[in-house]
């Protein structure tokens, strides 16, 4: 995957805000927790999280009915080094 994809995803302000919240937290968060921090509609948050995940900036883990998201900085940092 080319780095252009990651930077295109990062160019949207709501996605940057979600990524920022995950950075500040330093832990896993679900969509409801991100909604309370960002104030963006749940469906919009889910769509943005899917885009962040598709380029490898975040990862997810499903537990029961909830999905928890966290940063995947290792994969992004690796691609930056290979660039």
PDB file of N, CA and C in Angstrom:
ATOM      1  N   UNK A   1       0.851  -1.182   0.000  1.00  0.00           N
ATOM      2  CA  UNK A   1       0.000   0.000   0.000  1.00  0.00           C
ATOM      3  C   UNK A   1       0.894   1.242   0.000  1.00  0.00           C
ATOM      4  N   UNK A   2       0.521   2.206  -0.786  1.00  0.00           N
ATOM      5  CA  UNK A   2       1.309   3.425  -0.878  1.00  0.00           C
ATOM      6  C   UNK A   2       0.935   4.391   0.242  1.00  0.00           C
ATOM      7  N   UNK A   3       1.889   5.205   0.644  1.00  0.00           N
ATOM      8  CA  UNK A   3       1.653   6.176   1.712  1.00  0.00           C
ATOM      9  C   UNK A   3       0.644   7.245   1.323  1.00  0.00           C
ATOM     10  N   UNK A   4       0.439   7.467   0.047  1.00  0.00           N
ATOM     11  CA  UNK A   4      -0.534   8.464  -0.384  1.00  0.00           C
ATOM     12  C   UNK A   4      -1.921   8.155   0.186  1.00  0.00           C
ATOM     13  N   UNK A   5      -2.251   6.873   0.298  1.00  0.00           N
ATOM     14  CA  UNK A   5      -3.551   6.462   0.832  1.00  0.00           C
ATOM     15  C   UNK A   5      -3.720   6.908   2.283  1.00  0.00           C
ATOM     16  N   UNK A   6      -2.666   6.699   3.079  1.00  0.00           N
ATOM     17  CA  UNK A   6      -2.733   7.095   4.482  1.00  0.00           C
ATOM     18  C   UNK A   6      -2.898   8.600   4.617  1.00  0.00           C
ATOM     19  N   UNK A   7      -2.122   9.339   3.842  1.00  0.00           N
ATOM     20  CA  UNK A   7      -2.188  10.793   3.950  1.00  0.00           C
ATOM     21  C   UNK A   7      -3.521  11.344   3.437  1.00  0.00           C
ATOM     22  N   UNK A   8      -4.100  10.681   2.450  1.00  0.00           N
ATOM     23  CA  UNK A   8      -5.418  11.105   1.977  1.00  0.00           C
ATOM     24  C   UNK A   8      -6.462  10.896   3.083  1.00  0.00           C
ATOM     25  N   UNK A   9      -6.388   9.767   3.766  1.00  0.00           N
ATOM     26  CA  UNK A   9      -7.310   9.489   4.879  1.00  0.00           C
ATOM     27  C   UNK A   9      -7.107  10.510   5.989  1.00  0.00           C
ATOM     28  N   UNK A  10      -5.868  10.874   6.261  1.00  0.00           N
ATOM     29  CA  UNK A  10      -5.572  11.828   7.334  1.00  0.00           C
ATOM     30  C   UNK A  10      -5.963  13.260   6.983  1.00  0.00           C
ATOM     31  N   UNK A  11      -6.274  13.530   5.735  1.00  0.00           N
ATOM     32  CA  UNK A  11      -6.587  14.906   5.326  1.00  0.00           C
ATOM     33  C   UNK A  11      -7.974  15.361   5.780  1.00  0.00           C
ATOM     34  N   UNK A  12      -8.793  14.459   6.289  1.00  0.00           N
ATOM     35  CA  UNK A  12     -10.152  14.811   6.718  1.00  0.00           C
ATOM     36  C   UNK A  12     -10.141  15.123   8.211  1.00  0.00           C
ATOM     37  N   UNK A  13     -10.712  16.247   8.599  1.00  0.00           N
ATOM     38  CA  UNK A  13     -10.608  16.724   9.980  1.00  0.00           C
ATOM     39  C   UNK A  13     -11.276  15.805  11.008  1.00  0.00           C
ATOM     40  N   UNK A  14     -12.406  15.206  10.685  1.00  0.00           N
ATOM     41  CA  UNK A  14     -13.056  14.303  11.646  1.00  0.00           C
ATOM     42  C   UNK A  14     -12.203  13.070  11.908  1.00  0.00           C
ATOM     43  N   UNK A  15     -11.571  12.538  10.863  1.00  0.00           N
ATOM     44  CA  UNK A  15     -10.708  11.379  11.055  1.00  0.00           C
ATOM     45  C   UNK A  15      -9.495  11.752  11.896  1.00  0.00           C
ATOM     46  N   UNK A  16      -8.954  12.941  11.678  1.00  0.00           N
ATOM     47  CA  UNK A  16      -7.822  13.397  12.490  1.00  0.00           C
ATOM     48  C   UNK A  16      -8.240  13.547  13.952  1.00  0.00           C
ATOM     49  N   UNK A  17      -9.459  14.032  14.184  1.00  0.00           N
ATOM     50  CA  UNK A  17      -9.948  14.180  15.558  1.00  0.00           C
ATOM     51  C   UNK A  17     -10.096  12.815  16.235  1.00  0.00           C
ATOM     52  N   UNK A  18     -10.627  11.835  15.506  1.00  0.00           N
ATOM     53  CA  UNK A  18     -10.757  10.484  16.059  1.00  0.00           C
ATOM     54  C   UNK A  18      -9.387   9.893  16.372  1.00  0.00           C
ATOM     55  N   UNK A  19      -8.451  10.066  15.467  1.00  0.00           N
ATOM     56  CA  UNK A  19      -7.096   9.571  15.683  1.00  0.00           C
ATOM     57  C   UNK A  19      -6.450  10.265  16.875  1.00  0.00           C
ATOM     58  N   UNK A  20      -6.695  11.550  16.997  1.00  0.00           N
ATOM     59  CA  UNK A  20      -6.169  12.318  18.117  1.00  0.00           C
ATOM     60  C   UNK A  20      -6.725  11.806  19.445  1.00  0.00           C
ATOM     61  N   UNK A  21      -8.011  11.507  19.488  1.00  0.00           N
ATOM     62  CA  UNK A  21      -8.619  10.976  20.713  1.00  0.00           C
ATOM     63  C   UNK A  21      -8.009   9.636  21.090  1.00  0.00           C
ATOM     64  N   UNK A  22      -7.769   8.788  20.100  1.00  0.00           N
ATOM     65  CA  UNK A  22      -7.145   7.501  20.379  1.00  0.00           C
ATOM     66  C   UNK A  22      -5.711   7.696  20.884  1.00  0.00           C
ATOM     67  N   UNK A  23      -5.032   8.706  20.362  1.00  0.00           N
ATOM     68  CA  UNK A  23      -3.669   9.015  20.822  1.00  0.00           C
ATOM     69  C   UNK A  23      -3.681   9.511  22.262  1.00  0.00           C
ATOM     70  N   UNK A  24      -4.582  10.430  22.560  1.00  0.00           N
ATOM     71  CA  UNK A  24      -4.666  10.988  23.916  1.00  0.00           C
ATOM     72  C   UNK A  24      -4.993   9.911  24.940  1.00  0.00           C
ATOM     73  N   UNK A  25      -5.923   9.050  24.563  1.00  0.00           N
ATOM     74  CA  UNK A  25      -6.371   7.988  25.464  1.00  0.00           C
ATOM     75  C   UNK A  25      -5.252   6.976  25.694  1.00  0.00           C
ATOM     76  N   UNK A  26      -4.579   6.611  24.628  1.00  0.00           N
ATOM     77  CA  UNK A  26      -3.536   5.603  24.742  1.00  0.00           C
ATOM     78  C   UNK A  26      -4.085   4.221  25.033  1.00  0.00           C
ATOM     79  N   UNK A  27      -5.373   4.048  24.815  1.00  0.00           N
ATOM     80  CA  UNK A  27      -6.004   2.766  25.091  1.00  0.00           C
ATOM     81  C   UNK A  27      -7.015   2.461  23.997  1.00  0.00           C
ATOM     82  N   UNK A  28      -7.800   1.435  24.210  1.00  0.00           N
ATOM     83  CA  UNK A  28      -8.848   1.077  23.268  1.00  0.00           C
ATOM     84  C   UNK A  28     -10.114   1.871  23.582  1.00  0.00           C
ATOM     85  N   UNK A  29     -10.833   2.219  22.532  1.00  0.00           N
ATOM     86  CA  UNK A  29     -12.114   2.914  22.699  1.00  0.00           C
ATOM     87  C   UNK A  29     -13.121   2.315  21.734  1.00  0.00           C
ATOM     88  N   UNK A  30     -14.396   2.296  22.155  1.00  0.00           N
ATOM     89  CA  UNK A  30     -15.434   1.848  21.235  1.00  0.00           C
ATOM     90  C   UNK A  30     -16.099   3.072  20.589  1.00  0.00           C
ATOM     91  N   UNK A  31     -17.019   2.833  19.684  1.00  0.00           N
ATOM     92  CA  UNK A  31     -17.661   3.925  18.935  1.00  0.00           C
ATOM     93  C   UNK A  31     -18.399   4.869  19.883  1.00  0.00           C
ATOM     94  N   UNK A  32     -19.061   4.335  20.900  1.00  0.00           N
ATOM     95  CA  UNK A  32     -19.804   5.185  21.839  1.00  0.00           C
ATOM     96  C   UNK A  32     -18.865   6.119  22.605  1.00  0.00           C
ATOM     97  N   UNK A  33     -17.718   5.604  23.020  1.00  0.00           N
ATOM     98  CA  UNK A  33     -16.746   6.433  23.732  1.00  0.00           C
ATOM     99  C   UNK A  33     -16.195   7.528  22.821  1.00  0.00           C
ATOM    100  N   UNK A  34     -15.917   7.176  21.582  1.00  0.00           N
ATOM    101  CA  UNK A  34     -15.427   8.173  20.627  1.00  0.00           C
ATOM    102  C   UNK A  34     -16.508   9.203  20.316  1.00  0.00           C
ATOM    103  N   UNK A  35     -17.757   8.761  20.297  1.00  0.00           N
ATOM    104  CA  UNK A  35     -18.876   9.679  20.054  1.00  0.00           C
ATOM    105  C   UNK A  35     -18.967  10.724  21.164  1.00  0.00           C
ATOM    106  N   UNK A  36     -18.771  10.307  22.403  1.00  0.00           N
ATOM    107  CA  UNK A  36     -18.869  11.263  23.506  1.00  0.00           C
ATOM    108  C   UNK A  36     -17.713  12.265  23.490  1.00  0.00           C
ATOM    109  N   UNK A  37     -16.591  11.881  22.942  1.00  0.00           N
ATOM    110  CA  UNK A  37     -15.435  12.789  22.856  1.00  0.00           C
ATOM    111  C   UNK A  37     -15.530  13.737  21.668  1.00  0.00           C
ATOM    112  N   UNK A  38     -16.023  13.226  20.562  1.00  0.00           N
ATOM    113  CA  UNK A  38     -15.961  13.983  19.307  1.00  0.00           C
ATOM    114  C   UNK A  38     -17.271  14.650  18.908  1.00  0.00           C
ATOM    115  N   UNK A  39     -18.382  14.148  19.408  1.00  0.00           N
ATOM    116  CA  UNK A  39     -19.660  14.764  19.090  1.00  0.00           C
ATOM    117  C   UNK A  39     -20.089  14.621  17.638  1.00  0.00           C
ATOM    118  N   UNK A  40     -19.574  13.617  16.955  1.00  0.00           N
ATOM    119  CA  UNK A  40     -19.952  13.348  15.572  1.00  0.00           C
ATOM    120  C   UNK A  40     -20.943  12.189  15.584  1.00  0.00           C
ATOM    121  N   UNK A  41     -21.864  12.165  14.642  1.00  0.00           N
ATOM    122  CA  UNK A  41     -22.877  11.122  14.559  1.00  0.00           C
ATOM    123  C   UNK A  41     -22.225   9.735  14.541  1.00  0.00           C
ATOM    124  N   UNK A  42     -22.849   8.767  15.197  1.00  0.00           N
ATOM    125  CA  UNK A  42     -22.301   7.413  15.304  1.00  0.00           C
ATOM    126  C   UNK A  42     -22.009   6.780  13.950  1.00  0.00           C
ATOM    127  N   UNK A  43     -22.913   6.950  12.996  1.00  0.00           N
ATOM    128  CA  UNK A  43     -22.691   6.348  11.678  1.00  0.00           C
ATOM    129  C   UNK A  43     -21.489   6.984  10.979  1.00  0.00           C
ATOM    130  N   UNK A  44     -21.282   8.269  11.188  1.00  0.00           N
ATOM    131  CA  UNK A  44     -20.132   8.964  10.605  1.00  0.00           C
ATOM    132  C   UNK A  44     -18.846   8.463  11.253  1.00  0.00           C
ATOM    133  N   UNK A  45     -18.860   8.292  12.570  1.00  0.00           N
ATOM    134  CA  UNK A  45     -17.689   7.782  13.273  1.00  0.00           C
ATOM    135  C   UNK A  45     -17.336   6.391  12.756  1.00  0.00           C
ATOM    136  N   UNK A  46     -18.326   5.527  12.617  1.00  0.00           N
ATOM    137  CA  UNK A  46     -18.070   4.173  12.130  1.00  0.00           C
ATOM    138  C   UNK A  46     -17.445   4.190  10.740  1.00  0.00           C
ATOM    139  N   UNK A  47     -17.946   5.041   9.881  1.00  0.00           N
ATOM    140  CA  UNK A  47     -17.409   5.154   8.517  1.00  0.00           C
ATOM    141  C   UNK A  47     -15.957   5.633   8.545  1.00  0.00           C
ATOM    142  N   UNK A  48     -15.679   6.643   9.363  1.00  0.00           N
ATOM    143  CA  UNK A  48     -14.317   7.162   9.462  1.00  0.00           C
ATOM    144  C   UNK A  48     -13.369   6.127  10.065  1.00  0.00           C
ATOM    145  N   UNK A  49     -13.825   5.395  11.070  1.00  0.00           N
ATOM    146  CA  UNK A  49     -12.993   4.356  11.668  1.00  0.00           C
ATOM    147  C   UNK A  49     -12.667   3.273  10.650  1.00  0.00           C
ATOM    148  N   UNK A  50     -13.631   2.921   9.811  1.00  0.00           N
ATOM    149  CA  UNK A  50     -13.390   1.922   8.761  1.00  0.00           C
ATOM    150  C   UNK A  50     -12.314   2.404   7.793  1.00  0.00           C
ATOM    151  N   UNK A  51     -12.330   3.685   7.462  1.00  0.00           N
ATOM    152  CA  UNK A  51     -11.321   4.227   6.561  1.00  0.00           C
ATOM    153  C   UNK A  51      -9.945   4.251   7.221  1.00  0.00           C
ATOM    154  N   UNK A  52      -9.885   4.629   8.486  1.00  0.00           N
ATOM    155  CA  UNK A  52      -8.608   4.617   9.210  1.00  0.00           C
ATOM    156  C   UNK A  52      -8.059   3.195   9.315  1.00  0.00           C
ATOM    157  N   UNK A  53      -8.954   2.251   9.516  1.00  0.00           N
ATOM    158  CA  UNK A  53      -8.535   0.852   9.617  1.00  0.00           C
ATOM    159  C   UNK A  53      -8.076   0.318   8.267  1.00  0.00           C
ATOM    160  N   UNK A  54      -8.729   0.731   7.198  1.00  0.00           N
ATOM    161  CA  UNK A  54      -8.397   0.212   5.869  1.00  0.00           C
ATOM    162  C   UNK A  54      -6.979   0.562   5.430  1.00  0.00           C
ATOM    163  N   UNK A  55      -6.430   1.639   5.961  1.00  0.00           N
ATOM    164  CA  UNK A  55      -5.055   2.012   5.614  1.00  0.00           C
ATOM    165  C   UNK A  55      -4.066   1.633   6.715  1.00  0.00           C
ATOM    166  N   UNK A  56      -4.537   0.929   7.734  1.00  0.00           N
ATOM    167  CA  UNK A  56      -3.650   0.404   8.764  1.00  0.00           C
ATOM    168  C   UNK A  56      -3.237   1.378   9.848  1.00  0.00           C
ATOM    169  N   UNK A  57      -3.979   2.467  10.013  1.00  0.00           N
ATOM    170  CA  UNK A  57      -3.642   3.422  11.070  1.00  0.00           C
ATOM    171  C   UNK A  57      -4.213   3.013  12.425  1.00  0.00           C
ATOM    172  N   UNK A  58      -5.294   2.255  12.400  1.00  0.00           N
ATOM    173  CA  UNK A  58      -5.873   1.736  13.632  1.00  0.00           C
ATOM    174  C   UNK A  58      -6.175   0.256  13.444  1.00  0.00           C
ATOM    175  N   UNK A  59      -6.396  -0.416  14.558  1.00  0.00           N
ATOM    176  CA  UNK A  59      -6.806  -1.819  14.520  1.00  0.00           C
ATOM    177  C   UNK A  59      -8.041  -1.976  15.388  1.00  0.00           C
ATOM    178  N   UNK A  60      -8.742  -3.069  15.198  1.00  0.00           N
ATOM    179  CA  UNK A  60      -9.969  -3.281  15.971  1.00  0.00           C
ATOM    180  C   UNK A  60      -9.987  -4.687  16.536  1.00  0.00           C
ATOM    181  N   UNK A  61     -10.755  -4.819  17.609  1.00  0.00           N
ATOM    182  CA  UNK A  61     -10.954  -6.118  18.232  1.00  0.00           C
ATOM    183  C   UNK A  61     -12.402  -6.199  18.681  1.00  0.00           C
ATOM    184  N   UNK A  62     -13.082  -7.225  18.208  1.00  0.00           N
ATOM    185  CA  UNK A  62     -14.486  -7.401  18.569  1.00  0.00           C
ATOM    186  C   UNK A  62     -14.576  -8.239  19.835  1.00  0.00           C
ATOM    187  N   UNK A  63     -15.342  -7.716  20.799  1.00  0.00           N
ATOM    188  CA  UNK A  63     -15.601  -8.424  22.052  1.00  0.00           C
ATOM    189  C   UNK A  63     -17.104  -8.429  22.267  1.00  0.00           C
ATOM    190  N   UNK A  64     -17.684  -9.584  22.093  1.00  0.00           N
ATOM    191  CA  UNK A  64     -19.140  -9.657  22.193  1.00  0.00           C
ATOM    192  C   UNK A  64     -19.775  -8.846  21.081  1.00  0.00           C
ATOM    193  N   UNK A  65     -20.606  -7.892  21.461  1.00  0.00           N
ATOM    194  CA  UNK A  65     -21.292  -7.052  20.474  1.00  0.00           C
ATOM    195  C   UNK A  65     -20.557  -5.741  20.210  1.00  0.00           C
ATOM    196  N   UNK A  66     -19.478  -5.489  20.932  1.00  0.00           N
ATOM    197  CA  UNK A  66     -18.758  -4.223  20.791  1.00  0.00           C
ATOM    198  C   UNK A  66     -17.432  -4.420  20.071  1.00  0.00           C
ATOM    199  N   UNK A  67     -17.032  -3.379  19.352  1.00  0.00           N
ATOM    200  CA  UNK A  67     -15.741  -3.363  18.681  1.00  0.00           C
ATOM    201  C   UNK A  67     -14.912  -2.259  19.322  1.00  0.00           C
ATOM    202  N   UNK A  68     -13.698  -2.593  19.711  1.00  0.00           N
ATOM    203  CA  UNK A  68     -12.792  -1.636  20.325  1.00  0.00           C
ATOM    204  C   UNK A  68     -11.674  -1.300  19.344  1.00  0.00           C
ATOM    205  N   UNK A  69     -11.366  -0.013  19.243  1.00  0.00           N
ATOM    206  CA  UNK A  69     -10.370   0.485  18.311  1.00  0.00           C
ATOM    207  C   UNK A  69      -9.168   1.015  19.076  1.00  0.00           C
ATOM    208  N   UNK A  70      -7.987   0.811  18.493  1.00  0.00           N
ATOM    209  CA  UNK A  70      -6.755   1.351  19.071  1.00  0.00           C
ATOM    210  C   UNK A  70      -5.800   1.689  17.929  1.00  0.00           C
ATOM    211  N   UNK A  71      -4.786   2.454  18.256  1.00  0.00           N
ATOM    212  CA  UNK A  71      -3.797   2.845  17.255  1.00  0.00           C
ATOM    213  C   UNK A  71      -3.000   1.641  16.794  1.00  0.00           C
ATOM    214  N   UNK A  72      -2.584   1.673  15.548  1.00  0.00           N
ATOM    215  CA  UNK A  72      -1.688   0.658  15.007  1.00  0.00           C
ATOM    216  C   UNK A  72      -0.473   1.385  14.450  1.00  0.00           C
ATOM    217  N   UNK A  73       0.183   2.125  15.316  1.00  0.00           N
ATOM    218  CA  UNK A  73       1.289   2.988  14.886  1.00  0.00           C
ATOM    219  C   UNK A  73       2.472   2.187  14.370  1.00  0.00           C
ATOM    220  N   UNK A  74       2.612   0.960  14.822  1.00  0.00           N
ATOM    221  CA  UNK A  74       3.726   0.137  14.365  1.00  0.00           C
ATOM    222  C   UNK A  74       3.712  -0.091  12.866  1.00  0.00           C
ATOM    223  N   UNK A  75       2.555  -0.421  12.321  1.00  0.00           N
ATOM    224  CA  UNK A  75       2.481  -0.679  10.879  1.00  0.00           C
ATOM    225  C   UNK A  75       2.679   0.603  10.081  1.00  0.00           C
ATOM    226  N   UNK A  76       2.148   1.711  10.573  1.00  0.00           N
ATOM    227  CA  UNK A  76       2.318   2.985   9.876  1.00  0.00           C
ATOM    228  C   UNK A  76       3.776   3.431   9.928  1.00  0.00           C
ATOM    229  N   UNK A  77       4.395   3.305  11.097  1.00  0.00           N
ATOM    230  CA  UNK A  77       5.803   3.691  11.247  1.00  0.00           C
ATOM    231  C   UNK A  77       6.688   2.840  10.352  1.00  0.00           C
ATOM    232  N   UNK A  78       6.374   1.568  10.234  1.00  0.00           N
ATOM    233  CA  UNK A  78       7.156   0.674   9.366  1.00  0.00           C
ATOM    234  C   UNK A  78       7.065   1.138   7.917  1.00  0.00           C
ATOM    235  N   UNK A  79       5.871   1.481   7.460  1.00  0.00           N
ATOM    236  CA  UNK A  79       5.710   1.954   6.073  1.00  0.00           C
ATOM    237  C   UNK A  79       6.433   3.275   5.853  1.00  0.00           C
ATOM    238  N   UNK A  80       6.436   4.142   6.863  1.00  0.00           N
ATOM    239  CA  UNK A  80       7.167   5.406   6.750  1.00  0.00           C
ATOM    240  C   UNK A  80       8.668   5.151   6.604  1.00  0.00           C
ATOM    241  N   UNK A  81       9.191   4.224   7.378  1.00  0.00           N
ATOM    242  CA  UNK A  81      10.618   3.895   7.294  1.00  0.00           C
ATOM    243  C   UNK A  81      10.972   3.309   5.932  1.00  0.00           C
ATOM    244  N   UNK A  82      10.068   2.515   5.360  1.00  0.00           N
ATOM    245  CA  UNK A  82      10.309   1.890   4.055  1.00  0.00           C
ATOM    246  C   UNK A  82      10.175   2.885   2.907  1.00  0.00           C
ATOM    247  N   UNK A  83       9.531   4.004   3.165  1.00  0.00           N
ATOM    248  CA  UNK A  83       9.306   5.015   2.145  1.00  0.00           C
ATOM    249  C   UNK A  83      10.640   5.604   1.758  1.00  0.00           C
TER     250      UNK A  83
END
